[in-house]
Amino acid sequence: HLCEAMAVASVVRPELLFRGTIRNISEAGCYFETQARLSLDP
């Protein structure tokens, strides 16, 4: 479902906080849009 929800996410280990917008959501997951230049491993 397409949506627009402001969101805050933080990496569990090590601590890292970033903001963004959830653009779509389902029972299993979502797409989190952020301008943060992160390179997180799958």
PDB file of all heavy atoms in Angstrom:
ATOM      1  N   HIS A   1       0.867  -1.168   0.000  1.00  0.00           N
ATOM      2  CA  HIS A   1       0.000   0.000   0.000  1.00  0.00           C
ATOM      3  C   HIS A   1       0.905   1.218   0.000  1.00  0.00           C
ATOM      4  O   HIS A   1       1.754   1.363   0.883  1.00  0.00           O
ATOM      5  CB  HIS A   1      -0.888   0.025   1.243  1.00  0.00           C
ATOM      6  CG  HIS A   1      -1.833  -1.130   1.309  1.00  0.00           C
ATOM      7  ND1 HIS A   1      -3.039  -1.128   0.656  1.00  0.00           N
ATOM      8  CD2 HIS A   1      -1.731  -2.326   1.922  1.00  0.00           C
ATOM      9  CE1 HIS A   1      -3.649  -2.280   0.886  1.00  0.00           C
ATOM     10  NE2 HIS A   1      -2.876  -3.025   1.647  1.00  0.00           N
ATOM     11  N   LEU A   2       0.744   2.089  -0.983  1.00  0.00           N
ATOM     12  CA  LEU A   2       1.520   3.314  -1.009  1.00  0.00           C
ATOM     13  C   LEU A   2       1.059   4.189   0.146  1.00  0.00           C
ATOM     14  O   LEU A   2      -0.124   4.231   0.476  1.00  0.00           O
ATOM     15  CB  LEU A   2       1.346   4.036  -2.334  1.00  0.00           C
ATOM     16  CG  LEU A   2       1.841   3.292  -3.571  1.00  0.00           C
ATOM     17  CD1 LEU A   2       1.628   4.133  -4.809  1.00  0.00           C
ATOM     18  CD2 LEU A   2       3.297   2.909  -3.432  1.00  0.00           C
ATOM     19  N   CYS A   3       1.996   4.870   0.766  1.00  0.00           N
ATOM     20  CA  CYS A   3       1.658   5.736   1.888  1.00  0.00           C
ATOM     21  C   CYS A   3       2.758   6.764   2.052  1.00  0.00           C
ATOM     22  O   CYS A   3       3.737   6.774   1.310  1.00  0.00           O
ATOM     23  CB  CYS A   3       1.502   4.911   3.179  1.00  0.00           C
ATOM     24  SG  CYS A   3       2.997   4.056   3.695  1.00  0.00           S
ATOM     25  N   GLU A   4       2.585   7.627   3.009  1.00  0.00           N
ATOM     26  CA  GLU A   4       3.608   8.592   3.366  1.00  0.00           C
ATOM     27  C   GLU A   4       3.563   8.743   4.868  1.00  0.00           C
ATOM     28  O   GLU A   4       2.667   9.361   5.413  1.00  0.00           O
ATOM     29  CB  GLU A   4       3.382   9.941   2.684  1.00  0.00           C
ATOM     30  CG  GLU A   4       4.513  10.901   2.934  1.00  0.00           C
ATOM     31  CD  GLU A   4       4.428  12.135   2.060  1.00  0.00           C
ATOM     32  OE1 GLU A   4       3.930  12.031   0.929  1.00  0.00           O
ATOM     33  OE2 GLU A   4       4.879  13.181   2.528  1.00  0.00           O
ATOM     34  N   ALA A   5       4.520   8.123   5.551  1.00  0.00           N
ATOM     35  CA  ALA A   5       4.586   8.159   7.003  1.00  0.00           C
ATOM     36  C   ALA A   5       5.992   8.544   7.420  1.00  0.00           C
ATOM     37  O   ALA A   5       6.952   7.868   7.063  1.00  0.00           O
ATOM     38  CB  ALA A   5       4.224   6.790   7.590  1.00  0.00           C
ATOM     39  N   MET A   6       6.119   9.645   8.139  1.00  0.00           N
ATOM     40  CA  MET A   6       7.428  10.043   8.635  1.00  0.00           C
ATOM     41  C   MET A   6       7.897   8.977   9.614  1.00  0.00           C
ATOM     42  O   MET A   6       7.117   8.483  10.419  1.00  0.00           O
ATOM     43  CB  MET A   6       7.360  11.404   9.324  1.00  0.00           C
ATOM     44  CG  MET A   6       6.926  12.522   8.374  1.00  0.00           C
ATOM     45  SD  MET A   6       7.892  12.619   6.852  1.00  0.00           S
ATOM     46  CE  MET A   6       9.468  13.107   7.476  1.00  0.00           C
ATOM     47  N   ALA A   7       9.172   8.609   9.532  1.00  0.00           N
ATOM     48  CA  ALA A   7       9.678   7.523  10.357  1.00  0.00           C
ATOM     49  C   ALA A   7      11.093   7.819  10.827  1.00  0.00           C
ATOM     50  O   ALA A   7      11.822   8.599  10.220  1.00  0.00           O
ATOM     51  CB  ALA A   7       9.666   6.219   9.559  1.00  0.00           C
ATOM     52  N   VAL A   8      11.448   7.189  11.931  1.00  0.00           N
ATOM     53  CA  VAL A   8      12.797   7.238  12.472  1.00  0.00           C
ATOM     54  C   VAL A   8      13.249   5.801  12.611  1.00  0.00           C
ATOM     55  O   VAL A   8      12.505   4.943  13.080  1.00  0.00           O
ATOM     56  CB  VAL A   8      12.819   7.931  13.855  1.00  0.00           C
ATOM     57  CG1 VAL A   8      14.200   7.865  14.473  1.00  0.00           C
ATOM     58  CG2 VAL A   8      12.352   9.358  13.740  1.00  0.00           C
ATOM     59  N   ALA A   9      14.462   5.529  12.180  1.00  0.00           N
ATOM     60  CA  ALA A   9      15.017   4.184  12.310  1.00  0.00           C
ATOM     61  C   ALA A   9      16.372   4.283  12.980  1.00  0.00           C
ATOM     62  O   ALA A   9      17.077   5.283  12.836  1.00  0.00           O
ATOM     63  CB  ALA A   9      15.152   3.519  10.944  1.00  0.00           C
ATOM     64  N   SER A  10      16.710   3.255  13.717  1.00  0.00           N
ATOM     65  CA  SER A  10      18.034   3.214  14.318  1.00  0.00           C
ATOM     66  C   SER A  10      18.603   1.815  14.139  1.00  0.00           C
ATOM     67  O   SER A  10      17.888   0.827  14.276  1.00  0.00           O
ATOM     68  CB  SER A  10      17.986   3.595  15.801  1.00  0.00           C
ATOM     69  OG  SER A  10      17.143   2.716  16.514  1.00  0.00           O
ATOM     70  N   VAL A  11      19.869   1.762  13.775  1.00  0.00           N
ATOM     71  CA  VAL A  11      20.549   0.488  13.644  1.00  0.00           C
ATOM     72  C   VAL A  11      20.741  -0.047  15.056  1.00  0.00           C
ATOM     73  O   VAL A  11      21.135   0.689  15.964  1.00  0.00           O
ATOM     74  CB  VAL A  11      21.898   0.647  12.920  1.00  0.00           C
ATOM     75  CG1 VAL A  11      22.684  -0.653  12.916  1.00  0.00           C
ATOM     76  CG2 VAL A  11      21.665   1.142  11.501  1.00  0.00           C
ATOM     77  N   VAL A  12      20.436  -1.317  15.240  1.00  0.00           N
ATOM     78  CA  VAL A  12      20.493  -1.894  16.576  1.00  0.00           C
ATOM     79  C   VAL A  12      21.920  -1.924  17.104  1.00  0.00           C
ATOM     80  O   VAL A  12      22.183  -1.528  18.234  1.00  0.00           O
ATOM     81  CB  VAL A  12      19.848  -3.296  16.570  1.00  0.00           C
ATOM     82  CG1 VAL A  12      19.952  -3.958  17.921  1.00  0.00           C
ATOM     83  CG2 VAL A  12      18.387  -3.197  16.139  1.00  0.00           C
ATOM     84  N   ARG A  13      22.868  -2.397  16.319  1.00  0.00           N
ATOM     85  CA  ARG A  13      24.280  -2.440  16.731  1.00  0.00           C
ATOM     86  C   ARG A  13      25.137  -2.059  15.540  1.00  0.00           C
ATOM     87  O   ARG A  13      25.037  -2.746  14.525  1.00  0.00           O
ATOM     88  CB  ARG A  13      24.661  -3.834  17.202  1.00  0.00           C
ATOM     89  CG  ARG A  13      24.036  -4.176  18.503  1.00  0.00           C
ATOM     90  CD  ARG A  13      24.509  -5.550  18.980  1.00  0.00           C
ATOM     91  NE  ARG A  13      23.746  -5.955  20.123  1.00  0.00           N
ATOM     92  CZ  ARG A  13      22.649  -6.713  20.076  1.00  0.00           C
ATOM     93  NH1 ARG A  13      22.221  -7.150  18.929  1.00  0.00           N
ATOM     94  NH2 ARG A  13      22.016  -7.034  21.158  1.00  0.00           N
ATOM     95  N   PRO A  14      26.019  -1.110  15.567  1.00  0.00           N
ATOM     96  CA  PRO A  14      26.176  -0.087  16.595  1.00  0.00           C
ATOM     97  C   PRO A  14      25.063   0.946  16.481  1.00  0.00           C
ATOM     98  O   PRO A  14      24.374   1.002  15.461  1.00  0.00           O
ATOM     99  CB  PRO A  14      27.522   0.539  16.248  1.00  0.00           C
ATOM    100  CG  PRO A  14      27.637   0.376  14.761  1.00  0.00           C
ATOM    101  CD  PRO A  14      26.927  -0.922  14.445  1.00  0.00           C
ATOM    102  N   GLU A  15      24.879   1.764  17.483  1.00  0.00           N
ATOM    103  CA  GLU A  15      23.808   2.763  17.479  1.00  0.00           C
ATOM    104  C   GLU A  15      24.002   3.779  16.356  1.00  0.00           C
ATOM    105  O   GLU A  15      25.065   4.349  16.205  1.00  0.00           O
ATOM    106  CB  GLU A  15      23.745   3.500  18.825  1.00  0.00           C
ATOM    107  CG  GLU A  15      23.130   2.689  19.925  1.00  0.00           C
ATOM    108  CD  GLU A  15      21.655   2.381  19.683  1.00  0.00           C
ATOM    109  OE1 GLU A  15      20.898   3.271  19.274  1.00  0.00           O
ATOM    110  OE2 GLU A  15      21.278   1.223  19.907  1.00  0.00           O
ATOM    111  N   LEU A  16      22.984   3.957  15.558  1.00  0.00           N
ATOM    112  CA  LEU A  16      22.994   4.893  14.447  1.00  0.00           C
ATOM    113  C   LEU A  16      21.550   5.276  14.177  1.00  0.00           C
ATOM    114  O   LEU A  16      20.706   4.400  13.973  1.00  0.00           O
ATOM    115  CB  LEU A  16      23.608   4.233  13.206  1.00  0.00           C
ATOM    116  CG  LEU A  16      23.585   5.012  11.899  1.00  0.00           C
ATOM    117  CD1 LEU A  16      24.488   6.242  12.012  1.00  0.00           C
ATOM    118  CD2 LEU A  16      24.064   4.127  10.764  1.00  0.00           C
ATOM    119  N   LEU A  17      21.232   6.546  14.197  1.00  0.00           N
ATOM    120  CA  LEU A  17      19.868   7.029  14.011  1.00  0.00           C
ATOM    121  C   LEU A  17      19.754   7.748  12.672  1.00  0.00           C
ATOM    122  O   LEU A  17      20.632   8.531  12.312  1.00  0.00           O
ATOM    123  CB  LEU A  17      19.500   7.992  15.148  1.00  0.00           C
ATOM    124  CG  LEU A  17      18.124   8.622  15.092  1.00  0.00           C
ATOM    125  CD1 LEU A  17      17.069   7.589  15.497  1.00  0.00           C
ATOM    126  CD2 LEU A  17      18.058   9.822  16.016  1.00  0.00           C
ATOM    127  N   PHE A  18      18.673   7.478  11.925  1.00  0.00           N
ATOM    128  CA  PHE A  18      18.425   8.193  10.675  1.00  0.00           C
ATOM    129  C   PHE A  18      16.927   8.345  10.474  1.00  0.00           C
ATOM    130  O   PHE A  18      16.134   7.580  10.984  1.00  0.00           O
ATOM    131  CB  PHE A  18      19.099   7.514   9.482  1.00  0.00           C
ATOM    132  CG  PHE A  18      18.825   6.035   9.363  1.00  0.00           C
ATOM    133  CD1 PHE A  18      17.847   5.563   8.502  1.00  0.00           C
ATOM    134  CD2 PHE A  18      19.559   5.127  10.097  1.00  0.00           C
ATOM    135  CE1 PHE A  18      17.610   4.206   8.388  1.00  0.00           C
ATOM    136  CE2 PHE A  18      19.330   3.763   9.983  1.00  0.00           C
ATOM    137  CZ  PHE A  18      18.351   3.304   9.138  1.00  0.00           C
ATOM    138  N   ARG A  19      16.545   9.371   9.731  1.00  0.00           N
ATOM    139  CA  ARG A  19      15.133   9.690   9.499  1.00  0.00           C
ATOM    140  C   ARG A  19      14.782   9.479   8.035  1.00  0.00           C
ATOM    141  O   ARG A  19      15.647   9.523   7.172  1.00  0.00           O
ATOM    142  CB  ARG A  19      14.841  11.133   9.886  1.00  0.00           C
ATOM    143  CG  ARG A  19      15.097  11.435  11.329  1.00  0.00           C
ATOM    144  CD  ARG A  19      14.730  12.873  11.686  1.00  0.00           C
ATOM    145  NE  ARG A  19      15.263  13.289  12.960  1.00  0.00           N
ATOM    146  CZ  ARG A  19      14.894  12.843  14.139  1.00  0.00           C
ATOM    147  NH1 ARG A  19      13.972  11.925  14.204  1.00  0.00           N
ATOM    148  NH2 ARG A  19      15.433  13.280  15.251  1.00  0.00           N
ATOM    149  N   GLY A  20      13.498   9.298   7.792  1.00  0.00           N
ATOM    150  CA  GLY A  20      13.049   9.138   6.426  1.00  0.00           C
ATOM    151  C   GLY A  20      11.541   9.041   6.366  1.00  0.00           C
ATOM    152  O   GLY A  20      10.843   9.393   7.316  1.00  0.00           O
ATOM    153  N   THR A  21      11.048   8.534   5.254  1.00  0.00           N
ATOM    154  CA  THR A  21       9.618   8.417   5.008  1.00  0.00           C
ATOM    155  C   THR A  21       9.316   7.021   4.492  1.00  0.00           C
ATOM    156  O   THR A  21       9.984   6.535   3.579  1.00  0.00           O
ATOM    157  CB  THR A  21       9.167   9.453   3.945  1.00  0.00           C
ATOM    158  OG1 THR A  21       9.546  10.752   4.390  1.00  0.00           O
ATOM    159  CG2 THR A  21       7.672   9.399   3.722  1.00  0.00           C
ATOM    160  N   ILE A  22       8.324   6.388   5.082  1.00  0.00           N
ATOM    161  CA  ILE A  22       7.870   5.100   4.565  1.00  0.00           C
ATOM    162  C   ILE A  22       6.978   5.405   3.370  1.00  0.00           C
ATOM    163  O   ILE A  22       5.999   6.138   3.486  1.00  0.00           O
ATOM    164  CB  ILE A  22       7.112   4.299   5.641  1.00  0.00           C
ATOM    165  CG1 ILE A  22       8.079   3.926   6.761  1.00  0.00           C
ATOM    166  CG2 ILE A  22       6.465   3.057   5.023  1.00  0.00           C
ATOM    167  CD1 ILE A  22       7.437   3.222   7.922  1.00  0.00           C
ATOM    168  N   ARG A  23       7.321   4.853   2.214  1.00  0.00           N
ATOM    169  CA  ARG A  23       6.592   5.128   0.974  1.00  0.00           C
ATOM    170  C   ARG A  23       5.592   4.042   0.609  1.00  0.00           C
ATOM    171  O   ARG A  23       4.638   4.301  -0.113  1.00  0.00           O
ATOM    172  CB  ARG A  23       7.556   5.324  -0.189  1.00  0.00           C
ATOM    173  CG  ARG A  23       8.364   6.573  -0.064  1.00  0.00           C
ATOM    174  CD  ARG A  23       7.472   7.776  -0.138  1.00  0.00           C
ATOM    175  NE  ARG A  23       8.263   8.993  -0.005  1.00  0.00           N
ATOM    176  CZ  ARG A  23       7.741  10.185   0.072  1.00  0.00           C
ATOM    177  NH1 ARG A  23       6.432  10.325   0.048  1.00  0.00           N
ATOM    178  NH2 ARG A  23       8.499  11.232   0.197  1.00  0.00           N
ATOM    179  N   ASN A  24       5.819   2.804   1.075  1.00  0.00           N
ATOM    180  CA  ASN A  24       4.821   1.757   0.897  1.00  0.00           C
ATOM    181  C   ASN A  24       5.013   0.738   2.007  1.00  0.00           C
ATOM    182  O   ASN A  24       6.070   0.657   2.617  1.00  0.00           O
ATOM    183  CB  ASN A  24       4.862   1.126  -0.501  1.00  0.00           C
ATOM    184  CG  ASN A  24       6.133   0.375  -0.789  1.00  0.00           C
ATOM    185  OD1 ASN A  24       6.593  -0.426   0.013  1.00  0.00           O
ATOM    186  ND2 ASN A  24       6.712   0.621  -1.957  1.00  0.00           N
ATOM    187  N   ILE A  25       3.933   0.003   2.283  1.00  0.00           N
ATOM    188  CA  ILE A  25       3.954  -0.908   3.419  1.00  0.00           C
ATOM    189  C   ILE A  25       3.095  -2.132   3.111  1.00  0.00           C
ATOM    190  O   ILE A  25       2.105  -2.032   2.376  1.00  0.00           O
ATOM    191  CB  ILE A  25       3.464  -0.181   4.700  1.00  0.00           C
ATOM    192  CG1 ILE A  25       3.722  -1.023   5.954  1.00  0.00           C
ATOM    193  CG2 ILE A  25       2.007   0.238   4.581  1.00  0.00           C
ATOM    194  CD1 ILE A  25       3.570  -0.231   7.240  1.00  0.00           C
ATOM    195  N   SER A  26       3.496  -3.276   3.660  1.00  0.00           N
ATOM    196  CA  SER A  26       2.710  -4.503   3.558  1.00  0.00           C
ATOM    197  C   SER A  26       2.835  -5.235   4.890  1.00  0.00           C
ATOM    198  O   SER A  26       3.506  -4.769   5.807  1.00  0.00           O
ATOM    199  CB  SER A  26       3.225  -5.396   2.420  1.00  0.00           C
ATOM    200  OG  SER A  26       4.416  -6.058   2.810  1.00  0.00           O
ATOM    201  N   GLU A  27       2.203  -6.393   4.996  1.00  0.00           N
ATOM    202  CA  GLU A  27       2.319  -7.188   6.218  1.00  0.00           C
ATOM    203  C   GLU A  27       3.758  -7.634   6.463  1.00  0.00           C
ATOM    204  O   GLU A  27       4.149  -7.870   7.598  1.00  0.00           O
ATOM    205  CB  GLU A  27       1.440  -8.437   6.136  1.00  0.00           C
ATOM    206  CG  GLU A  27      -0.026  -8.171   6.306  1.00  0.00           C
ATOM    207  CD  GLU A  27      -0.830  -9.453   6.307  1.00  0.00           C
ATOM    208  OE1 GLU A  27      -0.377 -10.452   6.902  1.00  0.00           O
ATOM    209  OE2 GLU A  27      -1.913  -9.448   5.713  1.00  0.00           O
ATOM    210  N   ALA A  28       4.536  -7.760   5.409  1.00  0.00           N
ATOM    211  CA  ALA A  28       5.883  -8.309   5.526  1.00  0.00           C
ATOM    212  C   ALA A  28       6.979  -7.257   5.634  1.00  0.00           C
ATOM    213  O   ALA A  28       8.068  -7.549   6.122  1.00  0.00           O
ATOM    214  CB  ALA A  28       6.180  -9.217   4.339  1.00  0.00           C
ATOM    215  N   GLY A  29       6.730  -6.022   5.181  1.00  0.00           N
ATOM    216  CA  GLY A  29       7.789  -5.027   5.212  1.00  0.00           C
ATOM    217  C   GLY A  29       7.374  -3.701   4.620  1.00  0.00           C
ATOM    218  O   GLY A  29       6.194  -3.438   4.415  1.00  0.00           O
ATOM    219  N   CYS A  30       8.369  -2.872   4.329  1.00  0.00           N
ATOM    220  CA  CYS A  30       8.081  -1.542   3.796  1.00  0.00           C
ATOM    221  C   CYS A  30       9.286  -1.026   3.014  1.00  0.00           C
ATOM    222  O   CYS A  30      10.374  -1.592   3.073  1.00  0.00           O
ATOM    223  CB  CYS A  30       7.751  -0.572   4.932  1.00  0.00           C
ATOM    224  SG  CYS A  30       9.121  -0.243   6.060  1.00  0.00           S
ATOM    225  N   TYR A  31       9.060   0.072   2.268  1.00  0.00           N
ATOM    226  CA  TYR A  31      10.158   0.784   1.627  1.00  0.00           C
ATOM    227  C   TYR A  31      10.363   2.068   2.414  1.00  0.00           C
ATOM    228  O   TYR A  31       9.433   2.867   2.582  1.00  0.00           O
ATOM    229  CB  TYR A  31       9.875   1.104   0.161  1.00  0.00           C
ATOM    230  CG  TYR A  31      11.060   1.804  -0.467  1.00  0.00           C
ATOM    231  CD1 TYR A  31      12.196   1.075  -0.811  1.00  0.00           C
ATOM    232  CD2 TYR A  31      11.074   3.174  -0.655  1.00  0.00           C
ATOM    233  CE1 TYR A  31      13.311   1.707  -1.341  1.00  0.00           C
ATOM    234  CE2 TYR A  31      12.180   3.809  -1.183  1.00  0.00           C
ATOM    235  CZ  TYR A  31      13.297   3.074  -1.518  1.00  0.00           C
ATOM    236  OH  TYR A  31      14.414   3.698  -2.031  1.00  0.00           O
ATOM    237  N   PHE A  32      11.564   2.250   2.925  1.00  0.00           N
ATOM    238  CA  PHE A  32      11.934   3.387   3.760  1.00  0.00           C
ATOM    239  C   PHE A  32      12.819   4.307   2.933  1.00  0.00           C
ATOM    240  O   PHE A  32      13.953   3.966   2.608  1.00  0.00           O
ATOM    241  CB  PHE A  32      12.687   2.862   4.993  1.00  0.00           C
ATOM    242  CG  PHE A  32      13.068   3.915   5.989  1.00  0.00           C
ATOM    243  CD1 PHE A  32      12.189   4.302   6.977  1.00  0.00           C
ATOM    244  CD2 PHE A  32      14.325   4.502   5.950  1.00  0.00           C
ATOM    245  CE1 PHE A  32      12.552   5.255   7.923  1.00  0.00           C
ATOM    246  CE2 PHE A  32      14.693   5.459   6.885  1.00  0.00           C
ATOM    247  CZ  PHE A  32      13.806   5.842   7.873  1.00  0.00           C
ATOM    248  N   GLU A  33      12.288   5.467   2.553  1.00  0.00           N
ATOM    249  CA  GLU A  33      13.040   6.440   1.767  1.00  0.00           C
ATOM    250  C   GLU A  33      13.818   7.339   2.712  1.00  0.00           C
ATOM    251  O   GLU A  33      13.260   7.881   3.664  1.00  0.00           O
ATOM    252  CB  GLU A  33      12.073   7.269   0.938  1.00  0.00           C
ATOM    253  CG  GLU A  33      12.728   8.248   0.004  1.00  0.00           C
ATOM    254  CD  GLU A  33      11.697   9.019  -0.797  1.00  0.00           C
ATOM    255  OE1 GLU A  33      11.132   9.998  -0.261  1.00  0.00           O
ATOM    256  OE2 GLU A  33      11.428   8.607  -1.936  1.00  0.00           O
ATOM    257  N   THR A  34      15.119   7.464   2.470  1.00  0.00           N
ATOM    258  CA  THR A  34      15.954   8.339   3.292  1.00  0.00           C
ATOM    259  C   THR A  34      17.082   8.915   2.448  1.00  0.00           C
ATOM    260  O   THR A  34      17.584   8.251   1.541  1.00  0.00           O
ATOM    261  CB  THR A  34      16.536   7.588   4.513  1.00  0.00           C
ATOM    262  OG1 THR A  34      17.311   8.508   5.291  1.00  0.00           O
ATOM    263  CG2 THR A  34      17.382   6.396   4.116  1.00  0.00           C
ATOM    264  N   GLN A  35      17.450  10.141   2.734  1.00  0.00           N
ATOM    265  CA  GLN A  35      18.564  10.764   2.031  1.00  0.00           C
ATOM    266  C   GLN A  35      19.892  10.457   2.703  1.00  0.00           C
ATOM    267  O   GLN A  35      20.948  10.830   2.202  1.00  0.00           O
ATOM    268  CB  GLN A  35      18.354  12.271   1.941  1.00  0.00           C
ATOM    269  CG  GLN A  35      17.175  12.635   1.064  1.00  0.00           C
ATOM    270  CD  GLN A  35      16.973  14.139   0.948  1.00  0.00           C
ATOM    271  OE1 GLN A  35      17.668  14.930   1.574  1.00  0.00           O
ATOM    272  NE2 GLN A  35      16.008  14.533   0.145  1.00  0.00           N
ATOM    273  N   ALA A  36      19.832   9.755   3.830  1.00  0.00           N
ATOM    274  CA  ALA A  36      21.067   9.400   4.544  1.00  0.00           C
ATOM    275  C   ALA A  36      21.954   8.552   3.643  1.00  0.00           C
ATOM    276  O   ALA A  36      21.490   7.631   2.988  1.00  0.00           O
ATOM    277  CB  ALA A  36      20.721   8.647   5.822  1.00  0.00           C
ATOM    278  N   ARG A  37      23.213   8.861   3.616  1.00  0.00           N
ATOM    279  CA  ARG A  37      24.179   8.121   2.795  1.00  0.00           C
ATOM    280  C   ARG A  37      24.703   6.928   3.592  1.00  0.00           C
ATOM    281  O   ARG A  37      25.835   6.892   4.028  1.00  0.00           O
ATOM    282  CB  ARG A  37      25.322   9.030   2.381  1.00  0.00           C
ATOM    283  CG  ARG A  37      24.877  10.089   1.422  1.00  0.00           C
ATOM    284  CD  ARG A  37      25.594   9.825   0.120  1.00  0.00           C
ATOM    285  NE  ARG A  37      25.062  10.645  -0.934  1.00  0.00           N
ATOM    286  CZ  ARG A  37      24.501  10.140  -2.014  1.00  0.00           C
ATOM    287  NH1 ARG A  37      24.363   8.850  -2.146  1.00  0.00           N
ATOM    288  NH2 ARG A  37      24.080  10.914  -2.962  1.00  0.00           N
ATOM    289  N   LEU A  38      23.821   5.964   3.779  1.00  0.00           N
ATOM    290  CA  LEU A  38      24.154   4.776   4.548  1.00  0.00           C
ATOM    291  C   LEU A  38      24.556   3.649   3.616  1.00  0.00           C
ATOM    292  O   LEU A  38      24.063   3.558   2.502  1.00  0.00           O
ATOM    293  CB  LEU A  38      22.942   4.317   5.359  1.00  0.00           C
ATOM    294  CG  LEU A  38      22.335   5.324   6.314  1.00  0.00           C
ATOM    295  CD1 LEU A  38      21.003   4.823   6.820  1.00  0.00           C
ATOM    296  CD2 LEU A  38      23.289   5.583   7.459  1.00  0.00           C
ATOM    297  N   SER A  39      25.405   2.796   4.098  1.00  0.00           N
ATOM    298  CA  SER A  39      25.750   1.593   3.360  1.00  0.00           C
ATOM    299  C   SER A  39      25.623   0.430   4.348  1.00  0.00           C
ATOM    300  O   SER A  39      26.603  -0.016   4.929  1.00  0.00           O
ATOM    301  CB  SER A  39      27.171   1.690   2.812  1.00  0.00           C
ATOM    302  OG  SER A  39      27.450   0.540   2.054  1.00  0.00           O
ATOM    303  N   LEU A  40      24.391  -0.005   4.553  1.00  0.00           N
ATOM    304  CA  LEU A  40      24.123  -1.075   5.505  1.00  0.00           C
ATOM    305  C   LEU A  40      24.100  -2.416   4.789  1.00  0.00           C
ATOM    306  O   LEU A  40      23.555  -2.536   3.695  1.00  0.00           O
ATOM    307  CB  LEU A  40      22.778  -0.842   6.201  1.00  0.00           C
ATOM    308  CG  LEU A  40      22.633   0.477   6.955  1.00  0.00           C
ATOM    309  CD1 LEU A  40      21.214   0.611   7.504  1.00  0.00           C
ATOM    310  CD2 LEU A  40      23.651   0.575   8.075  1.00  0.00           C
ATOM    311  N   ASP A  41      24.684  -3.401   5.419  1.00  0.00           N
ATOM    312  CA  ASP A  41      24.675  -4.751   4.860  1.00  0.00           C
ATOM    313  C   ASP A  41      23.262  -5.324   4.911  1.00  0.00           C
ATOM    314  O   ASP A  41      22.509  -5.048   5.848  1.00  0.00           O
ATOM    315  CB  ASP A  41      25.592  -5.670   5.664  1.00  0.00           C
ATOM    316  CG  ASP A  41      27.056  -5.320   5.486  1.00  0.00           C
ATOM    317  OD1 ASP A  41      27.417  -4.827   4.406  1.00  0.00           O
ATOM    318  OD2 ASP A  41      27.834  -5.543   6.432  1.00  0.00           O
ATOM    319  N   PRO A  42      22.905  -6.138   3.918  1.00  0.00           N
ATOM    320  CA  PRO A  42      21.641  -6.866   4.017  1.00  0.00           C
ATOM    321  C   PRO A  42      21.667  -7.682   5.311  1.00  0.00           C
ATOM    322  O   PRO A  42      22.715  -8.152   5.727  1.00  0.00           O
ATOM    323  CB  PRO A  42      21.646  -7.780   2.793  1.00  0.00           C
ATOM    324  CG  PRO A  42      22.548  -7.088   1.828  1.00  0.00           C
ATOM    325  CD  PRO A  42      23.605  -6.424   2.677  1.00  0.00           C
TER     326      PRO A  42
END
